[in-house]
Amino acid sequence: MVGFKYTCSLLLPCRAVQLFEWARSLPPDHPQAAELCVPGLYATMIELHGQWRQPGKALRLLGDAKARSVEVGVEIYAALIQALCRWV
């Protein structure tokens, strides 16, 4: 049973990234794009890339959020700081 828990702990974040990439691939004028690409989603993805020690991707997500006119506030910046601190 330990193998199953370990496998799930690896697969769920990867699936989350796949869903995030799908949401980001929607054109900005798509009706659901604004509903799906919200600050909380970006913050979660930035945190995941921090856990995976990928600060460059975390920073690129910040730029992507700004380009998509996502409200970049405390939630996203806190996730970015946390991600960058893990890298050091």
C-alpha atoms as a PDB file:
ATOM      1  CA  MET A   1       0.000   0.000   0.000  1.00  0.00           C
ATOM      2  CA  VAL A   2       2.954   2.336   0.540  1.00  0.00           C
ATOM      3  CA  GLY A   3       3.731   2.162  -3.169  1.00  0.00           C
ATOM      4  CA  PHE A   4       0.233   3.361  -4.031  1.00  0.00           C
ATOM      5  CA  LYS A   5       0.450   6.376  -1.711  1.00  0.00           C
ATOM      6  CA  TYR A   6       3.881   7.258  -3.084  1.00  0.00           C
ATOM      7  CA  THR A   7       2.674   6.940  -6.681  1.00  0.00           C
ATOM      8  CA  CYS A   8      -0.347   9.148  -5.990  1.00  0.00           C
ATOM      9  CA  SER A   9       1.797  11.784  -4.309  1.00  0.00           C
ATOM     10  CA  LEU A  10       3.855  11.989  -7.509  1.00  0.00           C
ATOM     11  CA  LEU A  11       1.021  11.770 -10.025  1.00  0.00           C
ATOM     12  CA  LEU A  12      -1.412  14.280  -8.545  1.00  0.00           C
ATOM     13  CA  PRO A  13       0.921  17.298  -8.841  1.00  0.00           C
ATOM     14  CA  CYS A  14       1.807  16.252 -12.390  1.00  0.00           C
ATOM     15  CA  ARG A  15      -1.882  16.010 -13.268  1.00  0.00           C
ATOM     16  CA  ALA A  16      -2.447  19.445 -11.724  1.00  0.00           C
ATOM     17  CA  VAL A  17       0.258  20.882 -13.983  1.00  0.00           C
ATOM     18  CA  GLN A  18      -1.376  19.253 -17.019  1.00  0.00           C
ATOM     19  CA  LEU A  19      -4.731  20.811 -16.156  1.00  0.00           C
ATOM     20  CA  PHE A  20      -3.083  24.168 -15.540  1.00  0.00           C
ATOM     21  CA  GLU A  21      -1.331  24.053 -18.911  1.00  0.00           C
ATOM     22  CA  TRP A  22      -4.656  23.249 -20.554  1.00  0.00           C
ATOM     23  CA  ALA A  23      -6.332  26.218 -18.841  1.00  0.00           C
ATOM     24  CA  ARG A  24      -3.452  28.488 -19.886  1.00  0.00           C
ATOM     25  CA  SER A  25      -3.723  27.306 -23.477  1.00  0.00           C
ATOM     26  CA  LEU A  26      -7.234  28.736 -23.753  1.00  0.00           C
ATOM     27  CA  PRO A  27      -7.317  31.983 -25.712  1.00  0.00           C
ATOM     28  CA  PRO A  28      -7.728  35.033 -23.457  1.00  0.00           C
ATOM     29  CA  ASP A  29     -11.135  35.771 -25.007  1.00  0.00           C
ATOM     30  CA  HIS A  30     -12.458  32.267 -24.243  1.00  0.00           C
ATOM     31  CA  PRO A  31     -15.445  32.491 -21.858  1.00  0.00           C
ATOM     32  CA  GLN A  32     -13.881  30.189 -19.258  1.00  0.00           C
ATOM     33  CA  ALA A  33     -10.330  31.537 -19.418  1.00  0.00           C
ATOM     34  CA  ALA A  34     -11.011  34.250 -16.843  1.00  0.00           C
ATOM     35  CA  GLU A  35     -12.729  31.757 -14.533  1.00  0.00           C
ATOM     36  CA  LEU A  36      -9.923  29.212 -14.696  1.00  0.00           C
ATOM     37  CA  CYS A  37      -6.779  31.348 -14.675  1.00  0.00           C
ATOM     38  CA  VAL A  38      -7.199  32.933 -11.253  1.00  0.00           C
ATOM     39  CA  PRO A  39      -4.541  34.087  -8.754  1.00  0.00           C
ATOM     40  CA  GLY A  40      -4.993  31.022  -6.547  1.00  0.00           C
ATOM     41  CA  LEU A  41      -4.241  28.693  -9.429  1.00  0.00           C
ATOM     42  CA  TYR A  42      -1.080  30.586 -10.332  1.00  0.00           C
ATOM     43  CA  ALA A  43      -0.009  30.636  -6.678  1.00  0.00           C
ATOM     44  CA  THR A  44      -0.469  26.867  -6.433  1.00  0.00           C
ATOM     45  CA  MET A  45       1.567  26.235  -9.572  1.00  0.00           C
ATOM     46  CA  ILE A  46       4.315  28.582  -8.380  1.00  0.00           C
ATOM     47  CA  GLU A  47       4.427  26.684  -5.070  1.00  0.00           C
ATOM     48  CA  LEU A  48       4.683  23.355  -6.907  1.00  0.00           C
ATOM     49  CA  HIS A  49       7.597  24.591  -9.004  1.00  0.00           C
ATOM     50  CA  GLY A  50       9.218  25.795  -5.794  1.00  0.00           C
ATOM     51  CA  GLN A  51       8.871  22.330  -4.283  1.00  0.00           C
ATOM     52  CA  TRP A  52      10.434  20.888  -7.420  1.00  0.00           C
ATOM     53  CA  ARG A  53      13.312  23.417  -7.169  1.00  0.00           C
ATOM     54  CA  GLN A  54      12.455  25.113 -10.474  1.00  0.00           C
ATOM     55  CA  PRO A  55      12.686  28.835  -9.691  1.00  0.00           C
ATOM     56  CA  GLY A  56      12.917  29.828 -13.343  1.00  0.00           C
ATOM     57  CA  LYS A  57       9.544  28.300 -14.105  1.00  0.00           C
ATOM     58  CA  ALA A  58       8.074  29.946 -11.014  1.00  0.00           C
ATOM     59  CA  LEU A  59       9.289  33.345 -12.227  1.00  0.00           C
ATOM     60  CA  ARG A  60       7.957  32.693 -15.729  1.00  0.00           C
ATOM     61  CA  LEU A  61       4.548  31.948 -14.231  1.00  0.00           C
ATOM     62  CA  LEU A  62       4.590  35.372 -12.570  1.00  0.00           C
ATOM     63  CA  GLY A  63       5.267  36.954 -15.955  1.00  0.00           C
ATOM     64  CA  ASP A  64       2.537  34.881 -17.552  1.00  0.00           C
ATOM     65  CA  ALA A  65       0.032  35.936 -14.895  1.00  0.00           C
ATOM     66  CA  LYS A  66       0.863  39.594 -15.527  1.00  0.00           C
ATOM     67  CA  ALA A  67       0.569  39.108 -19.308  1.00  0.00           C
ATOM     68  CA  ARG A  68      -2.870  37.533 -18.857  1.00  0.00           C
ATOM     69  CA  SER A  69      -3.981  40.423 -16.629  1.00  0.00           C
ATOM     70  CA  VAL A  70      -4.411  38.127 -13.640  1.00  0.00           C
ATOM     71  CA  GLU A  71      -4.545  40.134 -10.418  1.00  0.00           C
ATOM     72  CA  VAL A  72      -1.036  39.671  -9.056  1.00  0.00           C
ATOM     73  CA  GLY A  73      -1.253  40.282  -5.349  1.00  0.00           C
ATOM     74  CA  VAL A  74      -0.111  38.987  -2.003  1.00  0.00           C
ATOM     75  CA  GLU A  75      -1.091  35.386  -2.733  1.00  0.00           C
ATOM     76  CA  ILE A  76       1.086  35.087  -5.822  1.00  0.00           C
ATOM     77  CA  TYR A  77       4.019  37.061  -4.416  1.00  0.00           C
ATOM     78  CA  ALA A  78       3.976  35.007  -1.198  1.00  0.00           C
ATOM     79  CA  ALA A  79       4.075  31.801  -3.246  1.00  0.00           C
ATOM     80  CA  LEU A  80       6.943  33.187  -5.317  1.00  0.00           C
ATOM     81  CA  ILE A  81       8.950  34.195  -2.256  1.00  0.00           C
ATOM     82  CA  GLN A  82       8.403  30.762  -0.760  1.00  0.00           C
ATOM     83  CA  ALA A  83       9.439  29.089  -4.026  1.00  0.00           C
ATOM     84  CA  LEU A  84      12.607  31.171  -4.298  1.00  0.00           C
ATOM     85  CA  CYS A  85      13.521  30.545  -0.651  1.00  0.00           C
ATOM     86  CA  ARG A  86      13.396  26.795  -1.276  1.00  0.00           C
ATOM     87  CA  TRP A  87      15.838  27.195  -4.113  1.00  0.00           C
ATOM     88  CA  VAL A  88      18.495  28.904  -1.981  1.00  0.00           C
END
